[in-house]
Each structure stands twice: as structure tokens, then as C-alpha cells.
């Protein structure tokens, strides 16, 4: 790097101080995950290639483990039950589409619906898309981005 000597010394002092403060594997994993989830620093330039892969692999596993919870929340909100303080309102459910004679005859043979993907596959694709997206500029707020 082309840093001035004073900048290099400051960076080195900060690095040494952080190494003392965050020494456990759990603390480091938490910091790596937090950095990976910040769209400004998601490239994790301060980690080795193996550490980057491990960090994003853990994110995939964590995201996949949350899928049943997310699906359950989506199902309860899609059912039309809304809580607004004290009232419980049930909305009408949409009527199913009427099938044509051809659809009855051929059934699922020519279905256009995509096969369901596992929670792990969905999480893997989502994390990959996140990694491929352009990083957020440093002056931007990552909370607004999310």
C-alpha cells in the first residue's frame, strides 16, 4: 500500500489493539459476519480467501435455518389475519383459478410452475446475489440499504 508512515503506524496500532480485544473465535466470527452483512464492506478485503468462504458459508447456513420461520410468518400474514391493536380482521381469501379442460386432461405433465427449492438452495442463491451486487459507497447508510 502507498500509505504515509504515520498512517501505516496508526493502522498497525489499531490492528494490534483489536487483536488483543477480539481474540476468541466466537468474537471473530461475529465481527466477520457483521462486516459481511454491511454492504459497504462485504468483500471482506481484510480476510483470507478461506476466511471469506467460511464466513459466507456460515451466512448461508444461518439464512437457511431461518427459512421455516420466515415461511411461517409469510403464511400467517398471507392468510389475511391482521392484528391492529385490539381488532382481528379476516380478509377474504382469493378464489382459486378455474382449470381448463386441457389442464384437467394433462394434469401436471406440462406444469409451468418451477420446482420448489430447498431452504439451503434458496439461501445459497440469495447470498450469492448479495455478494455479486455492487458494494455500497462508504458514505451511504447500510441500514437504509437493507
C-alpha atoms as a PDB file:
ATOM      1  CA  UNK A   1       0.000   0.000   0.000  1.00  0.00           C
ATOM      2  CA  UNK A   2       1.103   3.568  -0.549  1.00  0.00           C
ATOM      3  CA  UNK A   3       0.238   4.846   2.952  1.00  0.00           C
ATOM      4  CA  UNK A   4       2.335   7.518   4.595  1.00  0.00           C
ATOM      5  CA  UNK A   5       4.441   6.232   7.514  1.00  0.00           C
ATOM      6  CA  UNK A   6       2.201   7.893  10.108  1.00  0.00           C
ATOM      7  CA  UNK A   7      -0.956   6.354   8.600  1.00  0.00           C
ATOM      8  CA  UNK A   8       0.722   2.935   8.423  1.00  0.00           C
ATOM      9  CA  UNK A   9       1.771   3.235  12.109  1.00  0.00           C
ATOM     10  CA  UNK A  10      -1.763   4.217  13.156  1.00  0.00           C
ATOM     11  CA  UNK A  11      -3.265   1.295  11.236  1.00  0.00           C
ATOM     12  CA  UNK A  12      -0.755  -1.086  12.796  1.00  0.00           C
ATOM     13  CA  UNK A  13      -1.506   0.224  16.319  1.00  0.00           C
ATOM     14  CA  UNK A  14      -5.255  -0.164  15.746  1.00  0.00           C
ATOM     15  CA  UNK A  15      -4.768  -3.674  14.381  1.00  0.00           C
ATOM     16  CA  UNK A  16      -2.654  -4.712  17.387  1.00  0.00           C
ATOM     17  CA  UNK A  17      -5.216  -3.274  19.801  1.00  0.00           C
ATOM     18  CA  UNK A  18      -8.101  -5.054  18.052  1.00  0.00           C
ATOM     19  CA  UNK A  19      -6.179  -8.350  18.068  1.00  0.00           C
ATOM     20  CA  UNK A  20      -5.989  -8.139  21.884  1.00  0.00           C
ATOM     21  CA  UNK A  21      -9.646  -7.204  22.302  1.00  0.00           C
ATOM     22  CA  UNK A  22     -11.204  -9.691  19.919  1.00  0.00           C
ATOM     23  CA  UNK A  23      -9.270 -12.866  20.377  1.00  0.00           C
ATOM     24  CA  UNK A  24     -11.874 -15.626  20.692  1.00  0.00           C
ATOM     25  CA  UNK A  25     -13.155 -17.495  17.655  1.00  0.00           C
ATOM     26  CA  UNK A  26     -16.746 -16.565  18.530  1.00  0.00           C
ATOM     27  CA  UNK A  27     -15.917 -12.848  18.679  1.00  0.00           C
ATOM     28  CA  UNK A  28     -14.046 -13.008  15.379  1.00  0.00           C
ATOM     29  CA  UNK A  29     -16.915 -14.892  13.710  1.00  0.00           C
ATOM     30  CA  UNK A  30     -19.375 -12.278  14.936  1.00  0.00           C
ATOM     31  CA  UNK A  31     -17.213  -9.453  13.587  1.00  0.00           C
ATOM     32  CA  UNK A  32     -16.697 -11.234  10.262  1.00  0.00           C
ATOM     33  CA  UNK A  33     -20.444 -11.826   9.917  1.00  0.00           C
ATOM     34  CA  UNK A  34     -21.247  -8.217  10.802  1.00  0.00           C
ATOM     35  CA  UNK A  35     -18.743  -6.999   8.206  1.00  0.00           C
ATOM     36  CA  UNK A  36     -20.104  -9.388   5.585  1.00  0.00           C
ATOM     37  CA  UNK A  37     -23.631  -8.100   6.187  1.00  0.00           C
ATOM     38  CA  UNK A  38     -22.537  -4.488   5.812  1.00  0.00           C
ATOM     39  CA  UNK A  39     -22.939  -3.794   2.077  1.00  0.00           C
ATOM     40  CA  UNK A  40     -20.019  -1.351   2.260  1.00  0.00           C
ATOM     41  CA  UNK A  41     -17.523  -3.995   3.443  1.00  0.00           C
ATOM     42  CA  UNK A  42     -18.997  -7.245   2.109  1.00  0.00           C
ATOM     43  CA  UNK A  43     -15.906  -8.013   0.014  1.00  0.00           C
ATOM     44  CA  UNK A  44     -14.040  -8.578   3.315  1.00  0.00           C
ATOM     45  CA  UNK A  45     -10.653  -7.422   1.972  1.00  0.00           C
ATOM     46  CA  UNK A  46      -9.069  -7.878   5.403  1.00  0.00           C
ATOM     47  CA  UNK A  47      -9.683 -11.660   5.407  1.00  0.00           C
ATOM     48  CA  UNK A  48      -8.060 -14.543   3.604  1.00  0.00           C
ATOM     49  CA  UNK A  49      -9.951 -16.286   0.815  1.00  0.00           C
ATOM     50  CA  UNK A  50     -10.611 -19.252   3.131  1.00  0.00           C
ATOM     51  CA  UNK A  51     -11.980 -16.992   5.868  1.00  0.00           C
ATOM     52  CA  UNK A  52     -14.238 -15.220   3.361  1.00  0.00           C
ATOM     53  CA  UNK A  53     -15.610 -18.566   2.126  1.00  0.00           C
ATOM     54  CA  UNK A  54     -16.145 -19.765   5.702  1.00  0.00           C
ATOM     55  CA  UNK A  55     -17.922 -16.545   6.668  1.00  0.00           C
ATOM     56  CA  UNK A  56     -20.328 -16.678   3.727  1.00  0.00           C
ATOM     57  CA  UNK A  57     -20.894 -20.421   4.203  1.00  0.00           C
ATOM     58  CA  UNK A  58     -21.980 -19.721   7.776  1.00  0.00           C
ATOM     59  CA  UNK A  59     -24.299 -16.985   6.475  1.00  0.00           C
ATOM     60  CA  UNK A  60     -25.912 -19.442   4.061  1.00  0.00           C
ATOM     61  CA  UNK A  61     -26.480 -21.968   6.850  1.00  0.00           C
ATOM     62  CA  UNK A  62     -27.917 -19.274   9.132  1.00  0.00           C
ATOM     63  CA  UNK A  63     -30.217 -17.931   6.406  1.00  0.00           C
ATOM     64  CA  UNK A  64     -31.391 -21.453   5.539  1.00  0.00           C
ATOM     65  CA  UNK A  65     -32.147 -22.155   9.198  1.00  0.00           C
ATOM     66  CA  UNK A  66     -34.385 -19.079   9.273  1.00  0.00           C
ATOM     67  CA  UNK A  67     -36.462 -20.193   6.260  1.00  0.00           C
ATOM     68  CA  UNK A  68     -39.112 -22.180   8.207  1.00  0.00           C
ATOM     69  CA  UNK A  69     -39.647 -19.170  10.475  1.00  0.00           C
ATOM     70  CA  UNK A  70     -39.927 -16.810   7.520  1.00  0.00           C
ATOM     71  CA  UNK A  71     -42.326 -19.128   5.662  1.00  0.00           C
ATOM     72  CA  UNK A  72     -44.495 -19.447   8.772  1.00  0.00           C
ATOM     73  CA  UNK A  73     -44.668 -15.639   9.126  1.00  0.00           C
ATOM     74  CA  UNK A  74     -45.470 -15.253   5.414  1.00  0.00           C
ATOM     75  CA  UNK A  75     -48.202 -17.879   5.668  1.00  0.00           C
ATOM     76  CA  UNK A  76     -49.852 -16.231   8.660  1.00  0.00           C
ATOM     77  CA  UNK A  77     -49.756 -12.795   7.020  1.00  0.00           C
ATOM     78  CA  UNK A  78     -50.963 -14.182   3.683  1.00  0.00           C
ATOM     79  CA  UNK A  79     -53.951 -15.843   5.322  1.00  0.00           C
ATOM     80  CA  UNK A  80     -55.470 -12.419   5.856  1.00  0.00           C
ATOM     81  CA  UNK A  81     -55.234 -12.277   9.620  1.00  0.00           C
ATOM     82  CA  UNK A  82     -54.008  -8.891  10.679  1.00  0.00           C
ATOM     83  CA  UNK A  83     -53.516  -7.568  14.164  1.00  0.00           C
ATOM     84  CA  UNK A  84     -54.036  -3.832  14.573  1.00  0.00           C
ATOM     85  CA  UNK A  85     -54.066  -3.347  18.291  1.00  0.00           C
ATOM     86  CA  UNK A  86     -57.246  -4.974  19.570  1.00  0.00           C
ATOM     87  CA  UNK A  87     -59.116  -5.882  16.407  1.00  0.00           C
ATOM     88  CA  UNK A  88     -58.578  -9.047  14.437  1.00  0.00           C
ATOM     89  CA  UNK A  89     -59.664  -8.695  10.837  1.00  0.00           C
ATOM     90  CA  UNK A  90     -60.045 -11.628   8.467  1.00  0.00           C
ATOM     91  CA  UNK A  91     -59.851 -10.746   4.799  1.00  0.00           C
ATOM     92  CA  UNK A  92     -61.487 -12.750   2.044  1.00  0.00           C
ATOM     93  CA  UNK A  93     -59.267 -15.413   0.563  1.00  0.00           C
ATOM     94  CA  UNK A  94     -58.832 -15.237  -3.214  1.00  0.00           C
ATOM     95  CA  UNK A  95     -60.849 -17.705  -5.226  1.00  0.00           C
ATOM     96  CA  UNK A  96     -58.811 -20.446  -6.893  1.00  0.00           C
ATOM     97  CA  UNK A  97     -58.404 -20.142 -10.647  1.00  0.00           C
ATOM     98  CA  UNK A  98     -60.698 -22.319 -12.681  1.00  0.00           C
ATOM     99  CA  UNK A  99     -58.853 -25.010 -14.602  1.00  0.00           C
ATOM    100  CA  UNK A 100     -59.466 -25.540 -18.272  1.00  0.00           C
ATOM    101  CA  UNK A 101     -60.382 -28.881 -19.784  1.00  0.00           C
ATOM    102  CA  UNK A 102     -56.870 -29.211 -21.197  1.00  0.00           C
ATOM    103  CA  UNK A 103     -55.351 -28.677 -17.754  1.00  0.00           C
ATOM    104  CA  UNK A 104     -57.687 -31.338 -16.330  1.00  0.00           C
ATOM    105  CA  UNK A 105     -56.748 -33.739 -19.107  1.00  0.00           C
ATOM    106  CA  UNK A 106     -52.968 -33.301 -18.984  1.00  0.00           C
ATOM    107  CA  UNK A 107     -52.660 -32.565 -15.286  1.00  0.00           C
ATOM    108  CA  UNK A 108     -49.203 -31.709 -14.026  1.00  0.00           C
ATOM    109  CA  UNK A 109     -47.411 -33.066 -17.127  1.00  0.00           C
ATOM    110  CA  UNK A 110     -46.988 -29.600 -18.614  1.00  0.00           C
ATOM    111  CA  UNK A 111     -46.989 -27.568 -15.438  1.00  0.00           C
ATOM    112  CA  UNK A 112     -45.247 -24.213 -15.726  1.00  0.00           C
ATOM    113  CA  UNK A 113     -44.525 -23.845 -12.033  1.00  0.00           C
ATOM    114  CA  UNK A 114     -40.905 -24.100 -11.029  1.00  0.00           C
ATOM    115  CA  UNK A 115     -39.960 -26.943  -8.713  1.00  0.00           C
ATOM    116  CA  UNK A 116     -39.611 -25.992  -5.071  1.00  0.00           C
ATOM    117  CA  UNK A 117     -36.051 -25.374  -3.930  1.00  0.00           C
ATOM    118  CA  UNK A 118     -34.680 -26.337  -0.565  1.00  0.00           C
ATOM    119  CA  UNK A 119     -34.162 -23.641   2.048  1.00  0.00           C
ATOM    120  CA  UNK A 120     -30.413 -24.165   1.708  1.00  0.00           C
ATOM    121  CA  UNK A 121     -30.511 -23.678  -2.099  1.00  0.00           C
ATOM    122  CA  UNK A 122     -32.595 -20.528  -1.746  1.00  0.00           C
ATOM    123  CA  UNK A 123     -30.255 -19.131   0.893  1.00  0.00           C
ATOM    124  CA  UNK A 124     -27.222 -20.014  -1.205  1.00  0.00           C
ATOM    125  CA  UNK A 125     -28.652 -18.181  -4.239  1.00  0.00           C
ATOM    126  CA  UNK A 126     -29.608 -15.156  -2.171  1.00  0.00           C
ATOM    127  CA  UNK A 127     -26.167 -14.857  -0.569  1.00  0.00           C
ATOM    128  CA  UNK A 128     -24.534 -15.269  -3.985  1.00  0.00           C
ATOM    129  CA  UNK A 129     -26.675 -12.453  -5.439  1.00  0.00           C
ATOM    130  CA  UNK A 130     -25.759 -10.286  -2.444  1.00  0.00           C
ATOM    131  CA  UNK A 131     -22.054 -10.945  -2.949  1.00  0.00           C
ATOM    132  CA  UNK A 132     -22.269 -10.145  -6.671  1.00  0.00           C
ATOM    133  CA  UNK A 133     -24.097  -6.856  -6.140  1.00  0.00           C
ATOM    134  CA  UNK A 134     -22.042  -3.678  -6.174  1.00  0.00           C
ATOM    135  CA  UNK A 135     -20.818  -2.581  -2.752  1.00  0.00           C
ATOM    136  CA  UNK A 136     -22.410   0.422  -1.132  1.00  0.00           C
ATOM    137  CA  UNK A 137     -20.310   3.617  -1.133  1.00  0.00           C
ATOM    138  CA  UNK A 138     -18.654   4.294   2.235  1.00  0.00           C
ATOM    139  CA  UNK A 139     -20.661   7.463   2.830  1.00  0.00           C
ATOM    140  CA  UNK A 140     -24.001   5.647   2.463  1.00  0.00           C
ATOM    141  CA  UNK A 141     -26.006   4.275   5.400  1.00  0.00           C
ATOM    142  CA  UNK A 142     -26.151   0.441   5.311  1.00  0.00           C
ATOM    143  CA  UNK A 143     -29.370   0.413   7.355  1.00  0.00           C
ATOM    144  CA  UNK A 144     -31.111   2.406   4.644  1.00  0.00           C
ATOM    145  CA  UNK A 145     -29.778  -0.048   2.063  1.00  0.00           C
ATOM    146  CA  UNK A 146     -31.181  -3.068   3.937  1.00  0.00           C
END
